[in-house]
Protein backbone atom coordinates (compact mmCIF):
# COMPACT_ATOMS: atom_id res chain seq x y z
CA MET A 1 0.00 0.00 0.00
CA THR A 2 1.14 3.50 -0.70
CA GLU A 3 0.24 6.49 1.45
CA SER A 4 -0.84 9.79 0.04
CA THR A 5 -2.14 13.14 1.14
CA ASN A 6 -4.60 14.74 -1.22
CA ALA A 7 -2.71 17.73 -2.40
CA PRO A 8 -4.43 17.26 -5.36
CA ALA A 9 -6.68 14.42 -4.32
CA PRO A 10 -6.25 11.15 -6.15
CA ALA A 11 -9.28 9.68 -7.77
CA ALA A 12 -10.62 6.18 -7.54
CA THR A 13 -11.92 4.37 -10.55
CA ALA A 14 -14.51 1.66 -10.62
CA PRO A 15 -16.40 -0.07 -13.38
CA ALA A 16 -19.88 1.34 -13.90
CA ASN A 17 -20.69 -1.48 -16.31
CA ASN A 18 -18.78 -3.51 -18.86
CA GLU A 19 -18.20 -0.50 -21.12
CA SER A 20 -17.39 2.50 -18.92
CA HIS A 21 -15.56 3.53 -15.76
CA PHE A 22 -16.23 6.11 -13.10
CA THR A 23 -13.48 8.37 -11.85
CA ILE A 24 -14.36 9.76 -8.46
CA ASP A 25 -12.38 12.22 -6.37
CA VAL A 26 -11.33 10.55 -3.12
CA ARG A 27 -12.75 13.48 -1.12
CA LYS A 28 -16.19 12.73 -2.56
CA LEU A 29 -15.76 9.07 -1.64
CA PHE A 30 -14.83 10.12 1.89
CA ASN A 31 -17.97 12.26 2.20
CA MET A 32 -20.13 9.55 0.64
CA SER A 33 -18.75 7.01 3.11
CA ALA A 34 -19.50 9.21 6.11
CA ASN A 35 -23.01 10.00 4.87
CA LEU A 36 -23.77 6.37 4.08
CA LEU A 37 -22.66 5.17 7.51
CA ALA A 38 -24.49 7.94 9.36
CA ALA A 39 -27.69 7.29 7.39
CA GLY A 40 -27.48 3.53 7.78
CA PHE A 41 -26.77 3.33 11.49
CA PHE A 42 -27.76 6.61 13.16
CA LYS A 43 -30.40 8.41 11.08
CA GLN A 44 -32.85 5.58 10.49
CA LYS A 45 -35.08 3.62 12.84
CA SER A 46 -33.21 1.52 15.38
CA ASP A 47 -34.83 -1.70 14.10
CA ASP A 48 -33.67 -0.95 10.54
CA ALA A 49 -30.13 -0.15 11.73
CA LYS A 50 -30.05 -3.41 13.70
CA ALA A 51 -31.27 -5.37 10.67
CA LEU A 52 -28.48 -3.85 8.56
CA TYR A 53 -25.97 -4.68 11.31
CA LYS A 54 -27.19 -8.29 11.45
CA GLN A 55 -26.70 -8.73 7.70
CA LEU A 56 -23.16 -7.36 7.93
CA LYS A 57 -22.40 -9.42 11.04
CA ASP A 58 -23.52 -12.53 9.13
CA GLY A 59 -20.92 -11.76 6.45
CA LYS A 60 -23.33 -10.55 3.79
CA GLN A 61 -22.59 -7.80 1.29
CA VAL A 62 -25.45 -5.32 1.54
CA LYS A 63 -26.59 -3.13 -1.34
CA ALA A 64 -26.37 0.47 -0.19
CA GLY A 65 -27.51 2.40 -3.25
CA ALA A 66 -25.84 3.86 -6.32
CA LEU A 67 -23.85 6.87 -7.41
CA THR A 68 -24.97 8.60 -10.59
CA ASN A 69 -22.60 10.26 -13.02
CA ASN A 70 -24.07 13.74 -13.58
CA GLN A 71 -22.56 13.96 -17.07
CA ASN A 72 -23.89 10.76 -18.63
CA GLY A 73 -26.37 9.27 -16.15
CA ASN A 74 -24.40 6.02 -15.65
CA LYS A 75 -24.96 4.44 -12.27
CA LEU A 76 -22.37 2.84 -10.02
CA ALA A 77 -23.67 0.35 -7.46
CA VAL A 78 -22.43 0.81 -3.89
CA ALA A 79 -22.40 -2.03 -1.38
CA LEU A 80 -21.40 -2.31 2.27
CA GLU A 81 -19.28 -5.06 3.86
CA LEU A 82 -17.83 -5.76 7.28
CA ASP A 83 -14.66 -7.59 8.28
CA ARG A 84 -14.78 -8.20 12.01
CA SER A 85 -12.08 -10.88 12.15
CA GLU A 86 -9.80 -8.63 14.27
CA PHE A 87 -12.52 -7.49 16.71
CA ASN A 88 -11.65 -8.11 20.38
CA GLY A 89 -14.40 -9.07 22.83
CA PRO A 90 -18.12 -9.55 22.38
CA PHE A 91 -19.32 -8.33 19.01
CA ASN A 92 -22.79 -6.86 19.41
CA PHE A 93 -24.78 -3.95 18.05
CA PRO A 94 -23.90 -1.46 20.85
CA ASN A 95 -20.15 -2.16 20.45
CA PHE A 96 -20.40 -1.93 16.67
CA GLN A 97 -22.34 1.32 16.88
CA ASN A 98 -19.82 2.76 19.36
CA ALA A 99 -16.97 1.91 16.97
CA LEU A 100 -18.87 3.53 14.09
CA ARG A 101 -19.54 6.61 16.22
CA ALA A 102 -15.80 6.87 17.00
CA LEU A 103 -14.96 6.53 13.30
CA LEU A 104 -17.50 9.16 12.25
CA GLN A 105 -16.28 11.52 14.99
CA ARG A 106 -12.77 11.24 13.52
CA TYR A 107 -14.22 12.00 10.08
CA GLU A 108 -16.13 14.99 11.43
CA THR A 109 -13.11 16.35 13.32
CA HIS A 110 -10.94 16.03 10.22
CA GLY A 111 -13.61 17.72 8.11
CA ARG A 112 -13.88 20.65 10.52
CA LYS A 113 -10.11 21.16 10.64
CA ASP A 114 -9.72 20.80 6.87
CA PRO A 115 -13.04 21.55 5.12
CA GLU A 116 -11.53 21.04 1.65
CA LEU A 117 -9.94 17.74 2.79
CA LYS A 118 -6.56 18.76 1.40
CA THR A 119 -4.75 16.80 4.10
CA LEU A 120 -6.91 13.67 3.96
CA ARG A 121 -4.49 10.76 4.32
CA THR A 122 -5.21 7.59 2.42
CA LEU A 123 -3.48 4.32 1.71
CA LYS A 124 -3.92 2.89 -1.76
CA ASN A 125 -3.89 -0.81 -2.53
CA GLU A 126 -1.86 -0.96 -5.74
CA LYS A 127 -3.27 -4.39 -6.68
CA THR A 128 -6.96 -3.58 -6.37
CA GLY A 129 -7.06 0.21 -6.63
CA GLY A 130 -8.83 0.34 -3.28
CA ILE A 131 -8.41 3.28 -0.93
CA LEU A 132 -8.19 3.05 2.86
CA PHE A 133 -9.04 6.23 4.76
CA ASN A 134 -6.26 6.59 7.33
CA LEU A 135 -8.54 7.82 10.11
CA PRO A 136 -9.12 5.01 12.61
CA GLY A 137 -12.03 4.99 15.03
CA VAL A 138 -10.85 3.57 18.35
CA ILE A 139 -12.96 2.26 21.20
CA GLU A 140 -12.16 0.53 24.45
CA THR A 141 -14.60 -2.04 25.76
CA ASN A 142 -13.91 -3.96 28.97
CA GLY A 143 -10.23 -3.06 28.73
CA GLN A 144 -9.93 -4.26 25.13
CA LEU A 145 -9.08 -1.90 22.26
CA ASN A 146 -10.79 -2.11 18.89
CA VAL A 147 -9.90 -0.10 15.81
CA LEU A 148 -12.37 0.44 12.97
CA MET A 149 -11.32 1.75 9.56
CA ALA A 150 -13.10 2.15 6.24
CA ALA A 151 -11.96 1.48 2.70
CA ILE A 152 -13.45 1.81 -0.76
CA GLU A 153 -12.76 -1.13 -3.06
CA PRO A 154 -13.77 -1.57 -6.68
CA SER A 155 -15.94 -4.62 -7.35
CA LYS A 156 -17.32 -6.35 -10.41
CA THR A 157 -20.63 -4.55 -9.99
CA GLY A 158 -19.43 -1.15 -8.72
CA MET A 159 -17.72 -0.43 -5.44
CA VAL A 160 -17.77 -1.63 -1.86
CA LEU A 161 -17.48 0.42 1.31
CA ARG A 162 -15.66 -2.07 3.52
CA LEU A 163 -15.60 -1.57 7.27
CA MET A 164 -12.66 -3.37 8.84
CA PHE A 165 -11.66 -3.95 12.40
CA MET A 166 -7.87 -3.84 12.49
CA ASP A 167 -5.37 -5.37 14.90
CA PRO A 168 -5.08 -2.62 17.55
CA GLU A 169 -1.48 -3.58 18.36
CA GLN A 170 -0.28 -1.90 15.16
CA PHE A 171 -1.66 1.44 16.40
CA ILE A 172 -0.22 1.43 19.92
CA GLN A 173 2.52 4.01 20.41
CA PRO A 174 5.36 3.15 22.79
CA ASP A 175 4.92 4.90 26.12
CA ALA A 176 6.97 8.11 26.17
CA GLN A 177 8.37 7.24 29.61
CA GLN A 178 9.56 3.83 28.44
CA SER A 179 11.37 5.32 25.47
CA ASP A 180 12.98 8.12 27.53
CA PRO A 181 16.27 6.80 28.95
CA ALA A 182 16.26 9.60 31.58
CA ALA A 183 12.97 8.40 33.10
């Protein structure tokens, strides 16, 4: 994976159908991701949000809508997936929603500090063309850390917003006192 800051923002491409491709500014994908997650888990009825969670928990890819190209009307299907293989502790709706809330708070904070998203950091998967937003949402539950991140991956039918719980050990910074030989 290669890291980039959007100084001009890179674009992601995904097949719209067999004949054409979409090119989408990564900042628009970032905003779409935040809006999709907020709408799916916080702005709809609790029962509907829980049903969506259950489908994702069961490993299903859930259709989440489509993006429309304003110039030619082509549509790009958007789906949602969840990888919870690195989640620590009991995986339930409240813990999932807390992790999503932490992720969206990071998105919101970044958006307030940089409204044009010029410093949005991403990691690009050179093999797939996928983009990982380098803004982890971190929660602690019963003394266990969990880190949630989001990526956009091209798929055969459009693109997938993939939520991934990551190994929290890779995010832990050494304690400043331990690294200070004078301490």
